Amino acid sequence: MMVQISDGSDRLLKDLENTAGRTADLGAAVTDRLDTAEAYTEALEIRLNQTFSQLERLTARTSDRLKVAFTAGLTDAGSVGPFDDETTLVYSKILTNVGQAYNQTTGVFTAPVSGVYYFRYTVTDYLKGYMGVYLYRNDQKLLFNLQLNDHGGYAATSNGVSLELDEGDTVRVGLPGSYRLYDDSRNFSFFSGFLLFPL
């Protein structure tokens, strides 16, 4: 006995065949999109790895430069000055000099990187009269501390400041002509600074 398929069944069969074809096309489109996304992800991973490698190289190059801190005492010799002209104070007793930015031969700090730095100094004398110092950024006078020692005996003055410096900028302490200071092994007079953060 032979079964005949009606026209309605033919249509249903054609619809199923069309749906199967569209599903296959959709599956191919999804596969293509997944392949494209996978290729894009691989490209991003390569770029990310390259970026991490560059960052590691930069970090290795700058990590030592970013460690900057120094403190130096003035002298063990006692009196410093008076001089005829203003003189850069050479703090020759290094207590710490991480990053080697302070030069104990010249008395000058040179910023190894652009950033914000903090500096502090204290100066002392014990004879009657005026004592004072300037703090310089490059050749610009920024601060002046003045103290009148009218009693004799030890007198001190100090100051501190945060400065934004460019790489290569200098900071130093200057003793005006006719002024004097005192220091010995007890480190009455010192100069210090450190990098707060790079810019």
N, C-alpha and C. Protein backbone atom coordinates (compact mmCIF):
# COMPACT_ATOMS: atom_id res chain seq x y z
N MET A 1 0.83 -1.16 0.00
CA MET A 1 0.00 0.00 0.00
C MET A 1 0.88 1.23 0.00
N MET A 2 0.49 2.18 -0.76
CA MET A 2 1.27 3.39 -0.96
C MET A 2 0.62 4.56 -0.24
N VAL A 3 1.46 5.34 0.52
CA VAL A 3 0.94 6.49 1.25
C VAL A 3 1.24 7.72 0.43
N GLN A 4 0.26 8.51 0.24
CA GLN A 4 0.45 9.75 -0.52
C GLN A 4 0.62 10.91 0.46
N ILE A 5 1.56 11.80 0.10
CA ILE A 5 1.82 12.98 0.93
C ILE A 5 1.01 14.11 0.34
N SER A 6 0.31 14.73 1.22
CA SER A 6 -0.54 15.81 0.76
C SER A 6 0.27 17.06 0.52
N ASP A 7 -0.35 18.06 -0.13
CA ASP A 7 0.32 19.33 -0.40
C ASP A 7 0.75 20.01 0.89
N GLY A 8 -0.04 19.91 1.95
CA GLY A 8 0.30 20.52 3.23
C GLY A 8 1.56 19.92 3.81
N SER A 9 1.72 18.65 3.65
CA SER A 9 2.91 17.98 4.15
C SER A 9 4.11 18.39 3.33
N ASP A 10 3.92 18.57 2.01
CA ASP A 10 5.04 19.04 1.16
C ASP A 10 5.53 20.40 1.64
N ARG A 11 4.57 21.25 1.95
CA ARG A 11 4.95 22.60 2.43
C ARG A 11 5.71 22.51 3.74
N LEU A 12 5.22 21.67 4.62
CA LEU A 12 5.87 21.51 5.93
C LEU A 12 7.28 20.98 5.75
N LEU A 13 7.46 20.05 4.86
CA LEU A 13 8.79 19.48 4.59
C LEU A 13 9.70 20.56 4.01
N LYS A 14 9.19 21.38 3.09
CA LYS A 14 10.00 22.46 2.50
C LYS A 14 10.36 23.48 3.58
N ASP A 15 9.40 23.80 4.47
CA ASP A 15 9.70 24.75 5.55
C ASP A 15 10.79 24.20 6.46
N LEU A 16 10.71 22.91 6.75
CA LEU A 16 11.74 22.30 7.60
C LEU A 16 13.10 22.33 6.90
N GLU A 17 13.11 22.08 5.59
CA GLU A 17 14.37 22.13 4.84
C GLU A 17 14.93 23.55 4.84
N ASN A 18 14.04 24.56 4.64
CA ASN A 18 14.48 25.96 4.66
C ASN A 18 15.02 26.35 6.04
N THR A 19 14.33 25.93 7.10
CA THR A 19 14.77 26.22 8.46
C THR A 19 16.12 25.59 8.72
N ALA A 20 16.30 24.35 8.26
CA ALA A 20 17.58 23.66 8.45
C ALA A 20 18.68 24.42 7.71
N GLY A 21 18.36 24.92 6.50
CA GLY A 21 19.35 25.69 5.73
C GLY A 21 19.71 26.99 6.43
N ARG A 22 18.68 27.68 6.95
CA ARG A 22 18.94 28.95 7.67
C ARG A 22 19.74 28.68 8.95
N THR A 23 19.41 27.59 9.63
CA THR A 23 20.16 27.23 10.84
C THR A 23 21.61 26.96 10.50
N ALA A 24 21.86 26.29 9.40
CA ALA A 24 23.23 26.02 8.96
C ALA A 24 23.94 27.33 8.64
N ASP A 25 23.21 28.26 7.92
CA ASP A 25 23.81 29.56 7.61
C ASP A 25 24.11 30.35 8.89
N LEU A 26 23.15 30.32 9.84
CA LEU A 26 23.35 31.01 11.11
C LEU A 26 24.52 30.40 11.86
N GLY A 27 24.62 29.09 11.86
CA GLY A 27 25.74 28.41 12.52
C GLY A 27 27.06 28.82 11.89
N ALA A 28 27.10 28.94 10.56
CA ALA A 28 28.32 29.37 9.88
C ALA A 28 28.65 30.81 10.24
N ALA A 29 27.62 31.67 10.30
CA ALA A 29 27.85 33.08 10.66
C ALA A 29 28.37 33.19 12.09
N VAL A 30 27.78 32.42 13.01
CA VAL A 30 28.24 32.44 14.40
C VAL A 30 29.67 31.92 14.48
N THR A 31 29.98 30.88 13.74
CA THR A 31 31.34 30.34 13.72
C THR A 31 32.32 31.38 13.19
N ASP A 32 31.93 32.08 12.12
CA ASP A 32 32.80 33.13 11.57
C ASP A 32 33.02 34.23 12.61
N ARG A 33 31.95 34.63 13.28
CA ARG A 33 32.09 35.68 14.30
C ARG A 33 32.97 35.22 15.46
N LEU A 34 32.80 33.99 15.87
CA LEU A 34 33.65 33.46 16.94
C LEU A 34 35.11 33.41 16.51
N ASP A 35 35.36 33.01 15.26
CA ASP A 35 36.73 32.98 14.75
C ASP A 35 37.33 34.40 14.73
N THR A 36 36.51 35.38 14.31
CA THR A 36 36.97 36.77 14.27
C THR A 36 37.26 37.27 15.69
N ALA A 37 36.36 36.96 16.62
CA ALA A 37 36.55 37.38 18.02
C ALA A 37 37.78 36.72 18.61
N GLU A 38 38.02 35.47 18.28
CA GLU A 38 39.20 34.76 18.78
C GLU A 38 40.48 35.39 18.23
N ALA A 39 40.47 35.74 16.94
CA ALA A 39 41.63 36.39 16.34
C ALA A 39 41.87 37.77 16.98
N TYR A 40 40.80 38.50 17.23
CA TYR A 40 40.91 39.82 17.87
C TYR A 40 41.45 39.69 19.29
N THR A 41 40.96 38.69 20.02
CA THR A 41 41.43 38.44 21.38
C THR A 41 42.92 38.08 21.38
N GLU A 42 43.34 37.27 20.44
CA GLU A 42 44.77 36.92 20.33
C GLU A 42 45.61 38.16 20.04
N ALA A 43 45.11 39.03 19.17
CA ALA A 43 45.83 40.27 18.86
C ALA A 43 45.93 41.16 20.10
N LEU A 44 44.82 41.24 20.86
CA LEU A 44 44.84 42.03 22.09
C LEU A 44 45.83 41.45 23.11
N GLU A 45 45.87 40.12 23.21
CA GLU A 45 46.81 39.48 24.13
C GLU A 45 48.25 39.79 23.74
N ILE A 46 48.53 39.79 22.46
CA ILE A 46 49.89 40.12 21.99
C ILE A 46 50.23 41.55 22.35
N ARG A 47 49.29 42.48 22.08
CA ARG A 47 49.54 43.90 22.40
C ARG A 47 49.68 44.10 23.91
N LEU A 48 48.87 43.41 24.70
CA LEU A 48 48.95 43.52 26.16
C LEU A 48 50.30 43.00 26.66
N ASN A 49 50.75 41.88 26.13
CA ASN A 49 52.06 41.35 26.52
C ASN A 49 53.18 42.31 26.14
N GLN A 50 53.07 42.93 24.96
CA GLN A 50 54.07 43.92 24.55
C GLN A 50 54.07 45.12 25.51
N THR A 51 52.87 45.57 25.89
CA THR A 51 52.75 46.70 26.81
C THR A 51 53.36 46.35 28.16
N PHE A 52 53.08 45.15 28.68
CA PHE A 52 53.67 44.73 29.94
C PHE A 52 55.19 44.66 29.85
N SER A 53 55.70 44.18 28.73
CA SER A 53 57.16 44.12 28.54
C SER A 53 57.77 45.52 28.55
N GLN A 54 57.12 46.46 27.85
CA GLN A 54 57.61 47.84 27.84
C GLN A 54 57.56 48.44 29.24
N LEU A 55 56.48 48.18 29.97
CA LEU A 55 56.35 48.70 31.33
C LEU A 55 57.44 48.13 32.24
N GLU A 56 57.72 46.85 32.12
CA GLU A 56 58.78 46.23 32.92
C GLU A 56 60.13 46.85 32.60
N ARG A 57 60.40 47.12 31.32
CA ARG A 57 61.68 47.74 30.94
C ARG A 57 61.77 49.16 31.51
N LEU A 58 60.68 49.93 31.40
CA LEU A 58 60.67 51.29 31.94
C LEU A 58 60.82 51.29 33.46
N THR A 59 60.12 50.37 34.11
CA THR A 59 60.21 50.28 35.57
C THR A 59 61.62 49.93 36.00
N ALA A 60 62.25 48.99 35.29
CA ALA A 60 63.62 48.61 35.63
C ALA A 60 64.57 49.79 35.44
N ARG A 61 64.35 50.58 34.39
CA ARG A 61 65.24 51.73 34.12
C ARG A 61 65.06 52.84 35.14
N THR A 62 63.82 53.03 35.62
CA THR A 62 63.57 54.19 36.48
C THR A 62 63.48 53.85 37.96
N SER A 63 63.44 52.57 38.32
CA SER A 63 63.23 52.25 39.74
C SER A 63 64.34 52.81 40.61
N ASP A 64 65.59 52.74 40.19
CA ASP A 64 66.68 53.29 40.99
C ASP A 64 66.62 54.81 41.02
N ARG A 65 66.19 55.42 39.92
CA ARG A 65 66.11 56.87 39.86
C ARG A 65 65.00 57.41 40.75
N LEU A 66 64.03 56.58 41.08
CA LEU A 66 62.90 57.06 41.87
C LEU A 66 63.16 56.95 43.37
N LYS A 67 64.28 56.40 43.76
CA LYS A 67 64.64 56.31 45.17
C LYS A 67 65.63 57.42 45.47
N VAL A 68 65.12 58.50 46.04
CA VAL A 68 65.94 59.69 46.26
C VAL A 68 65.72 60.20 47.68
N ALA A 69 66.79 60.22 48.49
CA ALA A 69 66.72 60.78 49.84
C ALA A 69 68.14 61.04 50.32
N PHE A 70 68.34 62.17 50.98
CA PHE A 70 69.67 62.45 51.53
C PHE A 70 69.54 63.27 52.82
N THR A 71 70.52 63.12 53.67
CA THR A 71 70.72 63.97 54.84
C THR A 71 72.22 64.12 55.02
N ALA A 72 72.66 65.35 55.19
CA ALA A 72 74.09 65.60 55.36
C ALA A 72 74.30 66.65 56.45
N GLY A 73 75.29 66.40 57.33
CA GLY A 73 75.69 67.38 58.33
C GLY A 73 76.71 68.33 57.72
N LEU A 74 76.82 69.52 58.31
CA LEU A 74 77.68 70.55 57.71
C LEU A 74 79.16 70.24 57.87
N THR A 75 79.65 70.08 59.09
CA THR A 75 81.08 69.88 59.30
C THR A 75 81.32 69.39 60.72
N ASP A 76 82.51 68.87 60.97
CA ASP A 76 82.95 68.57 62.33
C ASP A 76 83.93 69.63 62.82
N ALA A 77 84.23 70.62 61.98
CA ALA A 77 85.31 71.56 62.23
C ALA A 77 84.93 72.73 63.13
N GLY A 78 83.68 72.89 63.50
CA GLY A 78 83.29 74.02 64.34
C GLY A 78 82.71 75.15 63.52
N SER A 79 83.38 76.31 63.55
CA SER A 79 82.86 77.51 62.88
C SER A 79 82.97 77.43 61.37
N VAL A 80 81.95 77.95 60.69
CA VAL A 80 81.93 78.09 59.23
C VAL A 80 81.61 79.56 58.95
N GLY A 81 82.55 80.24 58.27
CA GLY A 81 82.37 81.67 58.01
C GLY A 81 82.93 82.48 59.17
N PRO A 82 82.79 83.76 59.10
CA PRO A 82 82.14 84.52 58.01
C PRO A 82 83.03 84.62 56.78
N PHE A 83 82.38 84.75 55.61
CA PHE A 83 83.06 84.92 54.34
C PHE A 83 82.77 86.33 53.82
N ASP A 84 83.61 86.80 52.92
CA ASP A 84 83.39 88.13 52.34
C ASP A 84 82.14 88.16 51.47
N ASP A 85 81.93 87.08 50.71
CA ASP A 85 80.79 87.00 49.80
C ASP A 85 79.92 85.82 50.17
N GLU A 86 78.71 85.83 49.64
CA GLU A 86 77.82 84.68 49.87
C GLU A 86 78.48 83.41 49.35
N THR A 87 78.31 82.33 50.12
CA THR A 87 78.98 81.07 49.81
C THR A 87 77.98 79.92 49.90
N THR A 88 78.03 79.01 48.93
CA THR A 88 77.21 77.80 49.00
C THR A 88 77.76 76.92 50.11
N LEU A 89 76.90 76.51 51.01
CA LEU A 89 77.34 75.63 52.09
C LEU A 89 77.52 74.22 51.58
N VAL A 90 78.65 73.63 51.91
CA VAL A 90 78.95 72.26 51.50
C VAL A 90 78.77 71.36 52.73
N TYR A 91 77.66 70.67 52.75
CA TYR A 91 77.37 69.73 53.83
C TYR A 91 78.12 68.45 53.51
N SER A 92 79.24 68.24 54.19
CA SER A 92 80.17 67.19 53.77
C SER A 92 79.99 65.87 54.52
N LYS A 93 79.21 65.86 55.60
CA LYS A 93 79.04 64.63 56.39
C LYS A 93 77.77 63.91 55.93
N ILE A 94 77.93 62.95 55.07
CA ILE A 94 76.78 62.23 54.52
C ILE A 94 76.24 61.23 55.54
N LEU A 95 74.98 61.41 55.91
CA LEU A 95 74.32 60.43 56.76
C LEU A 95 73.57 59.41 55.91
N THR A 96 72.96 59.91 54.84
CA THR A 96 72.35 59.02 53.84
C THR A 96 72.32 59.78 52.52
N ASN A 97 72.46 59.03 51.42
CA ASN A 97 72.42 59.66 50.09
C ASN A 97 71.92 58.64 49.06
N VAL A 98 70.70 58.19 49.26
CA VAL A 98 70.10 57.21 48.35
C VAL A 98 69.82 57.88 47.01
N GLY A 99 70.34 57.31 45.95
CA GLY A 99 70.17 57.88 44.62
C GLY A 99 71.31 58.80 44.22
N GLN A 100 72.18 59.14 45.17
CA GLN A 100 73.38 59.96 44.90
C GLN A 100 73.04 61.29 44.24
N ALA A 101 71.91 61.88 44.59
CA ALA A 101 71.51 63.16 43.98
C ALA A 101 72.16 64.36 44.67
N TYR A 102 72.63 64.16 45.90
CA TYR A 102 73.31 65.25 46.61
C TYR A 102 74.81 65.09 46.41
N ASN A 103 75.47 66.18 46.04
CA ASN A 103 76.92 66.17 45.79
C ASN A 103 77.63 66.78 47.00
N GLN A 104 78.33 65.95 47.76
CA GLN A 104 78.98 66.42 48.97
C GLN A 104 80.24 67.24 48.71
N THR A 105 80.66 67.33 47.46
CA THR A 105 81.81 68.16 47.10
C THR A 105 81.37 69.59 46.80
N THR A 106 80.19 69.74 46.18
CA THR A 106 79.70 71.07 45.80
C THR A 106 78.62 71.60 46.73
N GLY A 107 77.96 70.70 47.48
CA GLY A 107 76.84 71.12 48.33
C GLY A 107 75.54 71.29 47.59
N VAL A 108 75.47 70.74 46.38
CA VAL A 108 74.30 70.96 45.51
C VAL A 108 73.54 69.65 45.32
N PHE A 109 72.22 69.72 45.48
CA PHE A 109 71.32 68.62 45.15
C PHE A 109 70.83 68.84 43.72
N THR A 110 70.87 67.78 42.90
CA THR A 110 70.37 67.84 41.52
C THR A 110 69.26 66.81 41.36
N ALA A 111 68.07 67.27 40.96
CA ALA A 111 66.91 66.38 40.83
C ALA A 111 67.15 65.37 39.69
N PRO A 112 67.14 64.07 40.01
CA PRO A 112 67.33 63.06 38.97
C PRO A 112 66.09 62.82 38.12
N VAL A 113 64.91 63.18 38.64
CA VAL A 113 63.65 63.04 37.90
C VAL A 113 62.76 64.23 38.23
N SER A 114 61.85 64.54 37.34
CA SER A 114 60.86 65.58 37.63
C SER A 114 59.92 65.07 38.71
N GLY A 115 59.62 65.92 39.67
CA GLY A 115 58.75 65.48 40.74
C GLY A 115 58.60 66.55 41.80
N VAL A 116 57.90 66.17 42.87
CA VAL A 116 57.76 67.04 44.03
C VAL A 116 58.69 66.50 45.12
N TYR A 117 59.55 67.37 45.63
CA TYR A 117 60.56 67.02 46.62
C TYR A 117 60.31 67.81 47.90
N TYR A 118 60.77 67.26 49.00
CA TYR A 118 60.71 67.98 50.27
C TYR A 118 62.13 68.21 50.77
N PHE A 119 62.43 69.45 51.18
CA PHE A 119 63.76 69.81 51.70
C PHE A 119 63.62 70.41 53.09
N ARG A 120 64.62 70.16 53.91
CA ARG A 120 64.65 70.72 55.26
C ARG A 120 66.09 71.04 55.61
N TYR A 121 66.26 72.13 56.35
CA TYR A 121 67.60 72.47 56.83
C TYR A 121 67.49 73.10 58.21
N THR A 122 68.53 72.92 58.99
CA THR A 122 68.67 73.56 60.28
C THR A 122 70.09 74.08 60.37
N VAL A 123 70.25 75.32 60.83
CA VAL A 123 71.59 75.89 61.02
C VAL A 123 71.69 76.45 62.43
N THR A 124 72.90 76.43 62.96
CA THR A 124 73.14 76.77 64.36
C THR A 124 74.38 77.65 64.47
N ASP A 125 74.40 78.50 65.49
CA ASP A 125 75.61 79.24 65.86
C ASP A 125 75.56 79.48 67.36
N TYR A 126 76.68 79.89 67.95
CA TYR A 126 76.70 80.08 69.39
C TYR A 126 77.25 81.45 69.81
N LEU A 127 77.68 82.28 68.87
CA LEU A 127 78.17 83.61 69.21
C LEU A 127 77.08 84.65 69.00
N LYS A 128 77.20 85.76 69.71
CA LYS A 128 76.24 86.84 69.51
C LYS A 128 76.34 87.37 68.09
N GLY A 129 75.22 87.74 67.52
CA GLY A 129 75.20 88.30 66.18
C GLY A 129 74.14 87.63 65.32
N TYR A 130 74.13 88.00 64.04
CA TYR A 130 73.14 87.47 63.10
C TYR A 130 73.64 86.18 62.46
N MET A 131 72.70 85.31 62.26
CA MET A 131 72.97 84.07 61.55
C MET A 131 71.80 83.89 60.58
N GLY A 132 72.08 83.45 59.38
CA GLY A 132 71.00 83.24 58.42
C GLY A 132 71.48 82.51 57.18
N VAL A 133 70.55 81.95 56.45
CA VAL A 133 70.87 81.23 55.21
C VAL A 133 69.75 81.43 54.20
N TYR A 134 70.11 81.27 52.93
CA TYR A 134 69.15 81.24 51.83
C TYR A 134 68.99 79.82 51.35
N LEU A 135 67.80 79.48 50.87
CA LEU A 135 67.60 78.23 50.14
C LEU A 135 67.34 78.61 48.69
N TYR A 136 68.09 78.01 47.79
CA TYR A 136 68.00 78.30 46.35
C TYR A 136 67.40 77.14 45.59
N ARG A 137 66.57 77.46 44.59
CA ARG A 137 66.23 76.52 43.51
C ARG A 137 66.90 77.09 42.28
N ASN A 138 67.80 76.35 41.70
CA ASN A 138 68.66 76.83 40.63
C ASN A 138 69.34 78.11 41.15
N ASP A 139 69.19 79.24 40.51
CA ASP A 139 69.81 80.47 41.01
C ASP A 139 68.79 81.42 41.64
N GLN A 140 67.60 80.90 41.96
CA GLN A 140 66.54 81.71 42.53
C GLN A 140 66.48 81.52 44.05
N LYS A 141 66.54 82.63 44.79
CA LYS A 141 66.40 82.57 46.24
C LYS A 141 64.92 82.31 46.57
N LEU A 142 64.68 81.24 47.31
CA LEU A 142 63.30 80.90 47.68
C LEU A 142 62.97 81.25 49.12
N LEU A 143 63.87 80.94 50.03
CA LEU A 143 63.63 81.15 51.45
C LEU A 143 64.84 81.85 52.07
N PHE A 144 64.58 82.63 53.11
CA PHE A 144 65.66 83.22 53.89
C PHE A 144 65.31 83.08 55.35
N ASN A 145 66.17 82.44 56.10
CA ASN A 145 66.00 82.34 57.54
C ASN A 145 67.02 83.24 58.21
N LEU A 146 66.57 84.04 59.16
CA LEU A 146 67.44 84.96 59.87
C LEU A 146 67.19 84.79 61.36
N GLN A 147 68.28 84.76 62.12
CA GLN A 147 68.18 84.62 63.56
C GLN A 147 69.18 85.56 64.22
N LEU A 148 68.74 86.36 65.16
CA LEU A 148 69.63 87.20 65.95
C LEU A 148 69.91 86.49 67.25
N ASN A 149 71.17 86.16 67.44
CA ASN A 149 71.59 85.54 68.70
C ASN A 149 72.08 86.68 69.58
N ASP A 150 71.20 87.20 70.42
CA ASP A 150 71.57 88.36 71.24
C ASP A 150 72.01 87.96 72.65
N HIS A 151 72.07 86.69 72.94
CA HIS A 151 72.42 86.24 74.28
C HIS A 151 73.72 85.46 74.34
N GLY A 152 74.26 85.07 73.19
CA GLY A 152 75.40 84.14 73.22
C GLY A 152 74.85 82.75 73.56
N GLY A 153 75.61 81.74 73.38
CA GLY A 153 75.10 80.38 73.54
C GLY A 153 74.45 79.93 72.25
N TYR A 154 74.05 78.68 72.21
CA TYR A 154 73.54 78.11 70.97
C TYR A 154 72.18 78.69 70.59
N ALA A 155 72.05 79.01 69.32
CA ALA A 155 70.78 79.44 68.74
C ALA A 155 70.66 78.77 67.38
N ALA A 156 69.46 78.42 67.00
CA ALA A 156 69.26 77.70 65.73
C ALA A 156 68.04 78.24 65.01
N THR A 157 68.04 78.04 63.71
CA THR A 157 66.87 78.34 62.89
C THR A 157 66.73 77.22 61.86
N SER A 158 65.51 76.94 61.45
CA SER A 158 65.30 75.86 60.48
C SER A 158 64.09 76.18 59.62
N ASN A 159 63.98 75.45 58.54
CA ASN A 159 62.85 75.63 57.64
C ASN A 159 62.70 74.38 56.79
N GLY A 160 61.54 74.24 56.17
CA GLY A 160 61.29 73.13 55.27
C GLY A 160 60.32 73.56 54.19
N VAL A 161 60.42 72.93 53.03
CA VAL A 161 59.57 73.33 51.91
C VAL A 161 59.42 72.17 50.92
N SER A 162 58.25 72.08 50.32
CA SER A 162 58.02 71.16 49.20
C SER A 162 58.21 71.94 47.92
N LEU A 163 58.97 71.38 46.98
CA LEU A 163 59.26 72.05 45.72
C LEU A 163 58.96 71.14 44.54
N GLU A 164 58.34 71.70 43.53
CA GLU A 164 58.17 70.98 42.26
C GLU A 164 59.40 71.26 41.41
N LEU A 165 60.16 70.22 41.09
CA LEU A 165 61.40 70.36 40.34
C LEU A 165 61.33 69.61 39.03
N ASP A 166 61.96 70.17 38.02
CA ASP A 166 62.18 69.46 36.76
C ASP A 166 63.47 68.67 36.87
N GLU A 167 63.59 67.63 36.08
CA GLU A 167 64.83 66.87 36.07
C GLU A 167 66.00 67.82 35.77
N GLY A 168 67.05 67.76 36.58
CA GLY A 168 68.21 68.62 36.40
C GLY A 168 68.18 69.90 37.21
N ASP A 169 67.04 70.27 37.81
CA ASP A 169 66.98 71.44 38.69
C ASP A 169 67.87 71.19 39.91
N THR A 170 68.39 72.27 40.48
CA THR A 170 69.28 72.15 41.64
C THR A 170 68.70 72.87 42.84
N VAL A 171 69.09 72.41 44.01
CA VAL A 171 68.72 73.03 45.28
C VAL A 171 69.97 73.09 46.14
N ARG A 172 70.19 74.24 46.79
CA ARG A 172 71.37 74.41 47.64
C ARG A 172 71.06 75.42 48.73
N VAL A 173 71.94 75.46 49.72
CA VAL A 173 71.81 76.41 50.83
C VAL A 173 73.00 77.37 50.74
N GLY A 174 72.72 78.68 50.83
CA GLY A 174 73.77 79.69 50.74
C GLY A 174 73.92 80.47 52.03
N LEU A 175 75.16 80.72 52.43
CA LEU A 175 75.47 81.52 53.61
C LEU A 175 75.85 82.92 53.17
N PRO A 176 75.05 83.95 53.56
CA PRO A 176 75.38 85.31 53.16
C PRO A 176 76.75 85.75 53.70
N GLY A 177 77.40 86.68 52.97
CA GLY A 177 78.66 87.24 53.44
C GLY A 177 78.49 87.85 54.82
N SER A 178 79.51 87.72 55.66
CA SER A 178 79.60 88.25 57.02
C SER A 178 78.80 87.44 58.04
N TYR A 179 78.08 86.39 57.61
CA TYR A 179 77.36 85.55 58.57
C TYR A 179 78.21 84.32 58.86
N ARG A 180 77.95 83.68 59.99
CA ARG A 180 78.69 82.47 60.33
C ARG A 180 77.74 81.44 60.92
N LEU A 181 78.20 80.19 60.93
CA LEU A 181 77.45 79.07 61.50
C LEU A 181 78.40 78.21 62.33
N TYR A 182 77.80 77.23 62.98
CA TYR A 182 78.60 76.32 63.78
C TYR A 182 78.06 74.90 63.61
N ASP A 183 78.98 73.94 63.57
CA ASP A 183 78.60 72.53 63.60
C ASP A 183 79.77 71.74 64.14
N ASP A 184 79.46 70.59 64.70
CA ASP A 184 80.49 69.67 65.14
C ASP A 184 79.94 68.26 65.00
N SER A 185 80.52 67.31 65.68
CA SER A 185 80.11 65.92 65.53
C SER A 185 78.67 65.66 65.97
N ARG A 186 78.05 66.63 66.64
CA ARG A 186 76.66 66.46 67.10
C ARG A 186 75.65 66.86 66.02
N ASN A 187 76.11 67.33 64.88
CA ASN A 187 75.25 67.65 63.73
C ASN A 187 74.18 68.69 64.07
N PHE A 188 74.63 69.84 64.55
CA PHE A 188 73.72 70.96 64.81
C PHE A 188 73.14 71.53 63.51
N SER A 189 73.93 71.49 62.45
CA SER A 189 73.52 72.08 61.18
C SER A 189 73.46 70.98 60.13
N PHE A 190 72.31 70.83 59.50
CA PHE A 190 72.17 69.77 58.49
C PHE A 190 71.24 70.21 57.37
N PHE A 191 71.30 69.48 56.28
CA PHE A 191 70.50 69.72 55.08
C PHE A 191 69.99 68.37 54.63
N SER A 192 68.69 68.25 54.34
CA SER A 192 68.15 66.97 53.88
C SER A 192 67.02 67.18 52.89
N GLY A 193 66.73 66.15 52.14
CA GLY A 193 65.65 66.20 51.16
C GLY A 193 65.31 64.83 50.65
N PHE A 194 64.12 64.71 50.08
CA PHE A 194 63.73 63.43 49.49
C PHE A 194 62.61 63.65 48.48
N LEU A 195 62.47 62.71 47.59
CA LEU A 195 61.42 62.73 46.56
C LEU A 195 60.11 62.28 47.19
N LEU A 196 59.09 63.15 47.12
CA LEU A 196 57.76 62.76 47.59
C LEU A 196 57.09 61.88 46.54
N PHE A 197 57.06 62.36 45.27
CA PHE A 197 56.50 61.56 44.18
C PHE A 197 56.97 62.16 42.84
N PRO A 198 57.17 61.30 41.85
CA PRO A 198 57.56 61.78 40.52
C PRO A 198 56.38 62.37 39.77
N LEU A 199 56.66 63.22 38.80
CA LEU A 199 55.62 63.81 37.94
C LEU A 199 55.87 63.43 36.49
